[in-house]
Amino acid sequence: MVEKSRKKGEIIFQNKIEIFQDDVLENELKSEEFDIITCAFGLKTFNEYQIDLLAKQVYRLLKKDGQFTFIEISKPQNSILYFLYSFYLGKIIPILGKLFLGNSDDYKMLWLYTKKFESCKKVETIFKKNNLNVQYKEYFFGCASGIYGTKKA
């Protein structure tokens, strides 16, 4: 994914962005160095302690008025949609993983993590506690949720 992002960055952004891979919870990146921090579908496996560490790192790494955004698949509240979505993530996706990628084990965990994670509501609370301006948003009728915001000055 990092390599695909680099190629896309070359084409779309004419190499004006730097893409790299690091451990966001334990790193030696320079403080107040980044304009934007973003992540898609990486929160559901974190526990509350790790999310708190993440919020602290986001605050430390962002420049003044820097922005962040995180999105994650979520457990919809509508009971009919919940049933359909849980069936899709819990049964269909593992079958497709087995058919096309030869491995269903990684995909079997997707719904279990999603069910436990629920939504980005807890993430919003933890980020607010860590001095970040945070907005919560749901997408696709609650099948995904996210937070976005800025570092408080």
C-alpha atoms as a PDB file:
ATOM      1  CA  MET A   1       0.000   0.000   0.000  1.00  0.00           C
ATOM      2  CA  VAL A   2       2.865   2.367   0.776  1.00  0.00           C
ATOM      3  CA  GLU A   3       4.415   1.716  -2.630  1.00  0.00           C
ATOM      4  CA  LYS A   4       1.073   2.292  -4.395  1.00  0.00           C
ATOM      5  CA  SER A   5       0.662   5.540  -2.450  1.00  0.00           C
ATOM      6  CA  ARG A   6       4.137   6.690  -3.496  1.00  0.00           C
ATOM      7  CA  LYS A   7       3.329   6.105  -7.158  1.00  0.00           C
ATOM      8  CA  LYS A   8       0.015   7.919  -6.785  1.00  0.00           C
ATOM      9  CA  GLY A   9       1.806  10.783  -5.008  1.00  0.00           C
ATOM     10  CA  GLU A  10       4.225  11.130  -7.910  1.00  0.00           C
ATOM     11  CA  ILE A  11       1.405  11.359 -10.443  1.00  0.00           C
ATOM     12  CA  ILE A  12      -1.195  13.393  -8.573  1.00  0.00           C
ATOM     13  CA  PHE A  13       0.970  15.577  -6.316  1.00  0.00           C
ATOM     14  CA  GLN A  14       4.128  15.817  -8.466  1.00  0.00           C
ATOM     15  CA  ASN A  15       6.256  14.510  -5.562  1.00  0.00           C
ATOM     16  CA  LYS A  16       5.212  17.364  -3.252  1.00  0.00           C
ATOM     17  CA  ILE A  17       4.272  14.929  -0.501  1.00  0.00           C
ATOM     18  CA  GLU A  18       6.380  12.411   1.357  1.00  0.00           C
ATOM     19  CA  ILE A  19       4.916   8.986   2.068  1.00  0.00           C
ATOM     20  CA  PHE A  20       6.575   6.686   4.576  1.00  0.00           C
ATOM     21  CA  GLN A  21       5.756   3.904   7.007  1.00  0.00           C
ATOM     22  CA  ASP A  22       6.377   4.065  10.763  1.00  0.00           C
ATOM     23  CA  ASP A  23       4.856   2.924  14.053  1.00  0.00           C
ATOM     24  CA  VAL A  24       2.629   5.811  15.085  1.00  0.00           C
ATOM     25  CA  LEU A  25       2.521   4.663  18.721  1.00  0.00           C
ATOM     26  CA  GLU A  26       6.302   4.424  19.143  1.00  0.00           C
ATOM     27  CA  ASN A  27       8.360   6.653  16.901  1.00  0.00           C
ATOM     28  CA  GLU A  28      11.062   9.267  16.869  1.00  0.00           C
ATOM     29  CA  LEU A  29       9.371  11.547  14.367  1.00  0.00           C
ATOM     30  CA  LYS A  30       9.966  15.242  14.849  1.00  0.00           C
ATOM     31  CA  SER A  31       7.310  17.077  16.882  1.00  0.00           C
ATOM     32  CA  GLU A  32       5.064  19.620  15.160  1.00  0.00           C
ATOM     33  CA  GLU A  33       6.297  18.476  11.748  1.00  0.00           C
ATOM     34  CA  PHE A  34       3.103  17.417   9.949  1.00  0.00           C
ATOM     35  CA  ASP A  35       0.283  19.374   8.327  1.00  0.00           C
ATOM     36  CA  ILE A  36      -2.028  16.354   7.988  1.00  0.00           C
ATOM     37  CA  ILE A  37      -2.310  12.926   9.618  1.00  0.00           C
ATOM     38  CA  THR A  38      -4.758  10.454   8.127  1.00  0.00           C
ATOM     39  CA  CYS A  39      -5.606   6.785   8.446  1.00  0.00           C
ATOM     40  CA  ALA A  40      -8.283   4.571   6.945  1.00  0.00           C
ATOM     41  CA  PHE A  41      -9.402   1.356   8.619  1.00  0.00           C
ATOM     42  CA  GLY A  42      -6.624   1.065  11.184  1.00  0.00           C
ATOM     43  CA  LEU A  43      -8.397   1.843  14.466  1.00  0.00           C
ATOM     44  CA  LYS A  44     -10.582  -1.228  15.036  1.00  0.00           C
ATOM     45  CA  THR A  45      -7.725  -3.360  16.370  1.00  0.00           C
ATOM     46  CA  PHE A  46      -6.558  -0.746  18.899  1.00  0.00           C
ATOM     47  CA  ASN A  47      -7.594  -0.902  22.542  1.00  0.00           C
ATOM     48  CA  GLU A  48      -8.452   2.280  24.482  1.00  0.00           C
ATOM     49  CA  TYR A  49      -4.904   2.616  25.829  1.00  0.00           C
ATOM     50  CA  GLN A  50      -3.490   2.496  22.283  1.00  0.00           C
ATOM     51  CA  ILE A  51      -6.068   5.021  21.056  1.00  0.00           C
ATOM     52  CA  ASP A  52      -5.009   7.335  23.877  1.00  0.00           C
ATOM     53  CA  LEU A  53      -1.358   6.932  22.789  1.00  0.00           C
ATOM     54  CA  LEU A  54      -2.438   7.643  19.225  1.00  0.00           C
ATOM     55  CA  ALA A  55      -4.200  10.851  20.263  1.00  0.00           C
ATOM     56  CA  LYS A  56      -1.105  12.000  22.163  1.00  0.00           C
ATOM     57  CA  GLN A  57       1.061  11.301  19.115  1.00  0.00           C
ATOM     58  CA  VAL A  58      -1.340  13.105  16.780  1.00  0.00           C
ATOM     59  CA  TYR A  59      -1.202  16.150  19.072  1.00  0.00           C
ATOM     60  CA  ARG A  60       2.602  15.995  19.295  1.00  0.00           C
ATOM     61  CA  LEU A  61       3.214  15.460  15.585  1.00  0.00           C
ATOM     62  CA  LEU A  62       0.820  18.011  14.117  1.00  0.00           C
ATOM     63  CA  LYS A  63       1.843  21.580  13.422  1.00  0.00           C
ATOM     64  CA  LYS A  64      -0.298  24.343  14.906  1.00  0.00           C
ATOM     65  CA  ASP A  65      -3.685  24.174  13.133  1.00  0.00           C
ATOM     66  CA  GLY A  66      -2.661  20.828  11.604  1.00  0.00           C
ATOM     67  CA  GLN A  67      -5.486  18.522  10.565  1.00  0.00           C
ATOM     68  CA  PHE A  68      -6.263  14.857  11.123  1.00  0.00           C
ATOM     69  CA  THR A  69      -8.844  12.423   9.839  1.00  0.00           C
ATOM     70  CA  PHE A  70      -9.541   8.773  10.664  1.00  0.00           C
ATOM     71  CA  ILE A  71     -12.243   6.487   9.252  1.00  0.00           C
ATOM     72  CA  GLU A  72     -13.208   2.973  10.281  1.00  0.00           C
ATOM     73  CA  ILE A  73     -15.837   0.396   9.407  1.00  0.00           C
ATOM     74  CA  SER A  74     -18.481   0.398  12.112  1.00  0.00           C
ATOM     75  CA  LYS A  75     -21.439  -1.464  13.530  1.00  0.00           C
ATOM     76  CA  PRO A  76     -24.662   0.081  12.175  1.00  0.00           C
ATOM     77  CA  GLN A  77     -27.455   0.772  14.677  1.00  0.00           C
ATOM     78  CA  ASN A  78     -30.340  -0.143  12.356  1.00  0.00           C
ATOM     79  CA  SER A  79     -31.221  -3.797  13.113  1.00  0.00           C
ATOM     80  CA  ILE A  80     -31.940  -4.786   9.488  1.00  0.00           C
ATOM     81  CA  LEU A  81     -28.766  -3.136   8.222  1.00  0.00           C
ATOM     82  CA  TYR A  82     -26.851  -4.653  11.149  1.00  0.00           C
ATOM     83  CA  PHE A  83     -27.994  -8.155  10.145  1.00  0.00           C
ATOM     84  CA  LEU A  84     -27.124  -7.663   6.471  1.00  0.00           C
ATOM     85  CA  TYR A  85     -23.781  -5.987   7.190  1.00  0.00           C
ATOM     86  CA  SER A  86     -22.743  -8.595   9.768  1.00  0.00           C
ATOM     87  CA  PHE A  87     -23.610 -11.359   7.297  1.00  0.00           C
ATOM     88  CA  TYR A  88     -21.634  -9.636   4.561  1.00  0.00           C
ATOM     89  CA  LEU A  89     -18.527  -8.941   6.682  1.00  0.00           C
ATOM     90  CA  GLY A  90     -18.729 -12.142   8.716  1.00  0.00           C
ATOM     91  CA  LYS A  91     -19.601 -14.665   5.990  1.00  0.00           C
ATOM     92  CA  ILE A  92     -19.295 -13.282   2.448  1.00  0.00           C
ATOM     93  CA  ILE A  93     -15.984 -11.430   2.774  1.00  0.00           C
ATOM     94  CA  PRO A  94     -14.159 -14.486   4.253  1.00  0.00           C
ATOM     95  CA  ILE A  95     -15.464 -16.633   1.366  1.00  0.00           C
ATOM     96  CA  LEU A  96     -14.256 -14.066  -1.174  1.00  0.00           C
ATOM     97  CA  GLY A  97     -10.903 -13.909   0.625  1.00  0.00           C
ATOM     98  CA  LYS A  98     -10.583 -17.676   0.355  1.00  0.00           C
ATOM     99  CA  LEU A  99     -11.635 -17.758  -3.324  1.00  0.00           C
ATOM    100  CA  PHE A 100      -9.512 -14.877  -4.592  1.00  0.00           C
ATOM    101  CA  LEU A 101      -6.617 -14.709  -2.145  1.00  0.00           C
ATOM    102  CA  GLY A 102      -6.450 -18.278  -0.846  1.00  0.00           C
ATOM    103  CA  ASN A 103      -6.894 -17.237   2.784  1.00  0.00           C
ATOM    104  CA  SER A 104     -10.098 -16.663   4.730  1.00  0.00           C
ATOM    105  CA  ASP A 105      -8.577 -16.464   8.228  1.00  0.00           C
ATOM    106  CA  ASP A 106      -7.591 -12.789   8.018  1.00  0.00           C
ATOM    107  CA  TYR A 107     -11.052 -11.855   6.794  1.00  0.00           C
ATOM    108  CA  LYS A 108     -12.918 -13.878   9.443  1.00  0.00           C
ATOM    109  CA  MET A 109     -11.666 -11.432  12.067  1.00  0.00           C
ATOM    110  CA  LEU A 110     -13.045  -8.376  10.234  1.00  0.00           C
ATOM    111  CA  TRP A 111     -16.567  -8.583  11.666  1.00  0.00           C
ATOM    112  CA  LEU A 112     -15.317  -9.613  15.135  1.00  0.00           C
ATOM    113  CA  TYR A 113     -13.110  -6.518  15.330  1.00  0.00           C
ATOM    114  CA  THR A 114     -15.863  -4.325  13.905  1.00  0.00           C
ATOM    115  CA  LYS A 115     -18.475  -5.634  16.343  1.00  0.00           C
ATOM    116  CA  LYS A 116     -16.179  -5.008  19.305  1.00  0.00           C
ATOM    117  CA  PHE A 117     -15.034  -1.590  18.045  1.00  0.00           C
ATOM    118  CA  GLU A 118     -18.615  -0.413  17.309  1.00  0.00           C
ATOM    119  CA  SER A 119     -17.837   3.109  16.042  1.00  0.00           C
ATOM    120  CA  CYS A 120     -15.453   6.046  16.372  1.00  0.00           C
ATOM    121  CA  LYS A 121     -17.517   7.532  19.256  1.00  0.00           C
ATOM    122  CA  LYS A 122     -14.989   6.342  21.882  1.00  0.00           C
ATOM    123  CA  VAL A 123     -12.152   7.599  19.693  1.00  0.00           C
ATOM    124  CA  GLU A 124     -13.821  11.022  19.570  1.00  0.00           C
ATOM    125  CA  THR A 125     -13.994  11.163  23.381  1.00  0.00           C
ATOM    126  CA  ILE A 126     -10.359  10.119  23.797  1.00  0.00           C
ATOM    127  CA  PHE A 127      -9.118  12.623  21.200  1.00  0.00           C
ATOM    128  CA  LYS A 128     -11.073  15.442  22.858  1.00  0.00           C
ATOM    129  CA  LYS A 129      -9.499  14.504  26.195  1.00  0.00           C
ATOM    130  CA  ASN A 130      -6.094  14.950  24.538  1.00  0.00           C
ATOM    131  CA  ASN A 131      -6.656  18.606  23.597  1.00  0.00           C
ATOM    132  CA  LEU A 132      -7.744  18.073  19.998  1.00  0.00           C
ATOM    133  CA  ASN A 133     -10.707  19.731  18.253  1.00  0.00           C
ATOM    134  CA  VAL A 134     -12.744  16.749  17.072  1.00  0.00           C
ATOM    135  CA  GLN A 135     -15.824  16.179  14.949  1.00  0.00           C
ATOM    136  CA  TYR A 136     -17.549  12.788  14.664  1.00  0.00           C
ATOM    137  CA  LYS A 137     -19.282  11.661  11.474  1.00  0.00           C
ATOM    138  CA  GLU A 138     -21.111   8.547  10.293  1.00  0.00           C
ATOM    139  CA  TYR A 139     -21.035   7.322   6.709  1.00  0.00           C
ATOM    140  CA  PHE A 140     -23.147   4.835   4.748  1.00  0.00           C
ATOM    141  CA  PHE A 141     -25.936   4.708   7.361  1.00  0.00           C
ATOM    142  CA  GLY A 142     -23.491   3.877  10.165  1.00  0.00           C
ATOM    143  CA  CYS A 143     -21.524   1.164   8.354  1.00  0.00           C
ATOM    144  CA  ALA A 144     -18.498   3.430   8.716  1.00  0.00           C
ATOM    145  CA  SER A 145     -17.659   6.240  11.092  1.00  0.00           C
ATOM    146  CA  GLY A 146     -14.845   8.657  11.514  1.00  0.00           C
ATOM    147  CA  ILE A 147     -13.342  11.599  13.273  1.00  0.00           C
ATOM    148  CA  TYR A 148     -11.648  14.650  11.885  1.00  0.00           C
ATOM    149  CA  GLY A 149     -10.365  17.866  13.327  1.00  0.00           C
ATOM    150  CA  THR A 150      -7.432  20.051  14.199  1.00  0.00           C
ATOM    151  CA  LYS A 151      -4.804  20.511  16.852  1.00  0.00           C
ATOM    152  CA  LYS A 152      -5.879  23.154  19.377  1.00  0.00           C
ATOM    153  CA  ALA A 153      -3.644  26.179  19.331  1.00  0.00           C
END
